[in-house]
Amino acid sequence: MKECVLYIHGRGGSAAERKHYIPLFPDREVIGLDYRSAVPWEAEKEFRAAVQNLKQKYARITLIANSIGAYFAMCAGLDAFAAKAYFISPIVDMEGLILQMMRIAGVTAAELEAKKEIPTALGEDLSWQYLCYARSYPVRWNAPATILYGAGDTLTSYETVSAFANACGADLTVMENGEHWFHTPAQMAFLDDWICRNENQL
């Protein structure tokens, strides 16, 4: 049975990050998804088409998804295709994150609805369409999953990610010195150990 690992990067990342995971899965091909979608309703089509193509070649797909890449994967319903998922700092409450950004920017829902899009000093454009989508389609996941969360994550609270993990039956691992972006040598070593420990349990 041919197997592969599909890596989906977060914002600002690239499919080339897949190379980090090759030594962790020596018996499987590690593929990076070089996606173009910037919003979930586009990712739904792009991600599903990509995974459907992979399913023609691979009987089993393990997913590794980072930050908003994890959010897009959930919106695309990839739990119907993945045998298991590793979520790194997943965005699991996009509505809450957008509302948090609105509070920081001093933008009300009425203002956003009227203007549809509002640029902010954070470098992120607030979008009424995005907020409405997030409200209408909260993320769900119905396949085996394990989540890695950094205690210093400023985008998602522990309470939020813990509630999501409980709701979908996912294991949750917390790195006390972790951030939303796992990138330091210590953080990456923790991440690698997390994956290896979970793979050894299979």
Protein backbone atom coordinates (compact mmCIF):
# COMPACT_ATOMS: atom_id res chain seq x y z
CA MET A 1 0.00 0.00 0.00
CA LYS A 2 1.61 3.26 -1.14
CA GLU A 3 1.59 6.02 1.45
CA CYS A 4 2.53 9.68 1.44
CA VAL A 5 2.76 12.64 3.76
CA LEU A 6 1.17 15.89 2.61
CA TYR A 7 2.58 19.07 4.15
CA ILE A 8 0.52 22.27 4.08
CA HIS A 9 2.37 25.41 5.12
CA GLY A 10 1.11 28.46 6.99
CA ARG A 11 1.08 32.07 5.90
CA GLY A 12 4.44 33.22 4.61
CA GLY A 13 5.66 29.65 4.32
CA SER A 14 6.25 27.49 1.29
CA ALA A 15 5.90 23.95 0.06
CA ALA A 16 9.69 23.67 0.31
CA GLU A 17 9.31 23.35 4.10
CA ARG A 18 8.35 19.74 3.40
CA LYS A 19 12.07 18.94 3.28
CA HIS A 20 12.27 19.26 7.05
CA TYR A 21 9.92 16.30 7.45
CA ILE A 22 11.59 13.89 5.02
CA PRO A 23 13.91 12.35 7.67
CA LEU A 24 10.91 11.84 9.97
CA PHE A 25 9.09 9.70 7.39
CA PRO A 26 11.82 7.69 5.66
CA ASP A 27 9.34 5.13 4.35
CA ARG A 28 6.98 7.65 2.73
CA GLU A 29 7.13 10.33 0.09
CA VAL A 30 6.72 13.79 1.62
CA ILE A 31 4.85 16.19 -0.64
CA GLY A 32 4.42 19.92 -0.13
CA LEU A 33 1.21 21.56 -1.30
CA ASP A 34 2.17 24.67 -3.26
CA TYR A 35 -1.20 26.36 -2.95
CA ARG A 36 -2.34 29.78 -4.14
CA SER A 37 -5.56 30.23 -2.18
CA ALA A 38 -5.68 33.10 0.30
CA VAL A 39 -9.24 32.55 1.53
CA PRO A 40 -11.01 29.39 2.67
CA TRP A 41 -13.69 29.31 -0.03
CA GLU A 42 -10.92 29.16 -2.64
CA ALA A 43 -8.92 26.63 -0.61
CA GLU A 44 -11.93 24.31 -0.49
CA LYS A 45 -11.67 23.70 -4.24
CA GLU A 46 -7.88 23.84 -4.57
CA PHE A 47 -7.11 21.58 -1.61
CA ARG A 48 -9.78 19.00 -2.39
CA ALA A 49 -8.69 18.75 -6.03
CA ALA A 50 -5.05 18.28 -4.98
CA VAL A 51 -5.87 15.57 -2.45
CA GLN A 52 -8.24 13.78 -4.79
CA ASN A 53 -5.37 13.56 -7.28
CA LEU A 54 -3.09 12.15 -4.57
CA LYS A 55 -5.68 9.53 -3.65
CA GLN A 56 -5.40 8.12 -7.16
CA LYS A 57 -1.76 7.29 -6.43
CA TYR A 58 -1.62 6.78 -2.65
CA ALA A 59 -3.87 4.55 -0.56
CA ARG A 60 -3.00 6.37 2.67
CA ILE A 61 -2.30 10.08 3.24
CA THR A 62 -0.89 11.53 6.45
CA LEU A 63 -1.46 15.26 6.73
CA ILE A 64 0.85 17.80 8.38
CA ALA A 65 -0.71 21.25 8.38
CA ASN A 66 0.55 24.47 9.91
CA SER A 67 -1.42 27.48 11.21
CA ILE A 68 -3.82 28.81 8.57
CA GLY A 69 -2.88 25.88 6.36
CA ALA A 70 -4.57 23.69 8.97
CA TYR A 71 -7.61 25.97 8.94
CA PHE A 72 -7.85 25.74 5.16
CA ALA A 73 -7.46 21.94 5.32
CA MET A 74 -10.36 21.71 7.75
CA CYS A 75 -12.51 24.03 5.65
CA ALA A 76 -11.75 21.85 2.62
CA GLY A 77 -12.96 18.74 4.43
CA LEU A 78 -9.66 16.90 4.11
CA ASP A 79 -10.65 14.68 7.04
CA ALA A 80 -12.48 12.64 4.41
CA PHE A 81 -9.13 11.79 2.79
CA ALA A 82 -6.49 11.84 5.54
CA ALA A 83 -5.73 8.74 7.60
CA LYS A 84 -4.20 10.97 10.29
CA ALA A 85 -3.38 14.65 10.77
CA TYR A 86 -0.64 16.50 12.58
CA PHE A 87 -1.79 20.05 13.23
CA ILE A 88 0.87 22.58 14.24
CA SER A 89 -0.52 25.79 15.83
CA PRO A 90 -3.83 25.39 13.97
CA ILE A 91 -6.25 28.27 13.60
CA VAL A 92 -9.43 26.67 14.93
CA ASP A 93 -11.57 29.75 15.64
CA MET A 94 -11.24 32.13 12.69
CA GLU A 95 -14.25 34.16 13.77
CA GLY A 96 -12.65 34.80 17.16
CA LEU A 97 -9.35 35.73 15.52
CA ILE A 98 -11.02 38.20 13.15
CA LEU A 99 -12.96 39.76 16.03
CA GLN A 100 -9.71 40.07 17.97
CA MET A 101 -8.12 41.87 15.02
CA MET A 102 -11.13 44.16 14.79
CA ARG A 103 -10.82 45.10 18.46
CA ILE A 104 -7.12 45.88 18.06
CA ALA A 105 -7.84 47.99 14.97
CA GLY A 106 -10.82 49.72 16.59
CA VAL A 107 -13.20 48.55 13.87
CA THR A 108 -16.83 47.73 14.63
CA ALA A 109 -18.91 45.10 12.88
CA ALA A 110 -21.17 47.83 11.49
CA GLU A 111 -18.18 49.64 9.98
CA LEU A 112 -16.83 46.46 8.44
CA GLU A 113 -20.21 45.52 7.01
CA ALA A 114 -20.59 48.97 5.46
CA LYS A 115 -17.07 49.16 3.97
CA LYS A 116 -16.69 45.41 3.23
CA GLU A 117 -12.88 45.62 3.53
CA ILE A 118 -10.74 47.73 5.86
CA PRO A 119 -6.92 47.76 5.85
CA THR A 120 -5.21 47.79 9.24
CA ALA A 121 -1.84 48.82 10.65
CA LEU A 122 -1.22 45.12 11.34
CA GLY A 123 -0.79 44.54 7.63
CA GLU A 124 -4.00 42.50 7.47
CA ASP A 125 -7.11 43.60 5.62
CA LEU A 126 -10.31 43.00 7.53
CA SER A 127 -13.00 41.47 5.34
CA TRP A 128 -16.74 41.32 5.99
CA GLN A 129 -17.04 38.35 3.61
CA TYR A 130 -14.34 36.48 5.53
CA LEU A 131 -16.03 37.17 8.87
CA CYS A 132 -19.39 35.97 7.54
CA TYR A 133 -17.78 32.81 6.18
CA ALA A 134 -16.05 32.08 9.48
CA ARG A 135 -19.34 32.51 11.32
CA SER A 136 -21.24 30.29 8.92
CA TYR A 137 -18.66 27.51 8.67
CA PRO A 138 -16.91 26.80 11.99
CA VAL A 139 -14.19 24.19 11.53
CA ARG A 140 -14.73 20.52 12.29
CA TRP A 141 -12.48 17.48 12.01
CA ASN A 142 -13.56 13.85 12.05
CA ALA A 143 -10.35 11.91 11.45
CA PRO A 144 -7.57 10.91 13.87
CA ALA A 145 -5.52 13.99 14.74
CA THR A 146 -2.91 15.27 17.13
CA ILE A 147 -2.25 18.95 17.81
CA LEU A 148 0.93 20.77 18.78
CA TYR A 149 0.37 24.10 20.54
CA GLY A 150 2.81 26.64 21.90
CA ALA A 151 1.88 28.18 25.23
CA GLY A 152 3.06 31.54 23.89
CA ASP A 153 0.65 31.46 20.93
CA THR A 154 -0.92 34.93 20.62
CA LEU A 155 -3.38 33.99 17.87
CA THR A 156 -5.22 31.15 19.59
CA SER A 157 -5.80 30.77 23.32
CA TYR A 158 -5.19 27.50 25.14
CA GLU A 159 -8.87 27.36 26.08
CA THR A 160 -9.86 27.62 22.42
CA VAL A 161 -7.50 24.95 21.12
CA SER A 162 -8.27 22.67 24.07
CA ALA A 163 -12.01 22.93 23.45
CA PHE A 164 -11.47 22.12 19.78
CA ALA A 165 -9.26 19.14 20.60
CA ASN A 166 -11.88 17.79 22.99
CA ALA A 167 -14.64 18.29 20.43
CA CYS A 168 -12.86 16.33 17.69
CA GLY A 169 -11.16 13.79 19.95
CA ALA A 170 -7.65 14.97 19.09
CA ASP A 171 -4.59 14.60 21.29
CA LEU A 172 -3.14 17.94 22.41
CA THR A 173 0.52 18.54 23.21
CA VAL A 174 1.61 21.88 24.68
CA MET A 175 5.15 23.25 24.54
CA GLU A 176 5.55 25.71 27.38
CA ASN A 177 8.26 27.68 25.54
CA GLY A 178 6.52 27.37 22.19
CA GLU A 179 5.10 30.17 20.07
CA HIS A 180 2.59 30.24 17.25
CA TRP A 181 5.50 29.94 14.83
CA PHE A 182 7.68 26.97 15.70
CA HIS A 183 11.07 27.98 14.32
CA THR A 184 13.86 28.02 16.94
CA PRO A 185 16.16 24.97 17.22
CA ALA A 186 14.57 24.01 20.56
CA GLN A 187 11.05 24.38 19.17
CA MET A 188 11.81 22.36 16.05
CA ALA A 189 13.47 19.64 18.14
CA PHE A 190 10.31 19.50 20.28
CA LEU A 191 8.18 19.32 17.12
CA ASP A 192 10.28 16.51 15.66
CA ASP A 193 10.10 14.53 18.90
CA TRP A 194 6.33 15.04 19.00
CA ILE A 195 5.94 13.56 15.54
CA CYS A 196 8.33 10.66 16.23
CA ARG A 197 6.58 9.75 19.47
CA ASN A 198 3.21 9.72 17.74
CA GLU A 199 4.50 7.68 14.80
CA ASN A 200 5.98 5.12 17.18
CA GLN A 201 2.55 4.65 18.75
CA LEU A 202 1.01 3.54 15.47
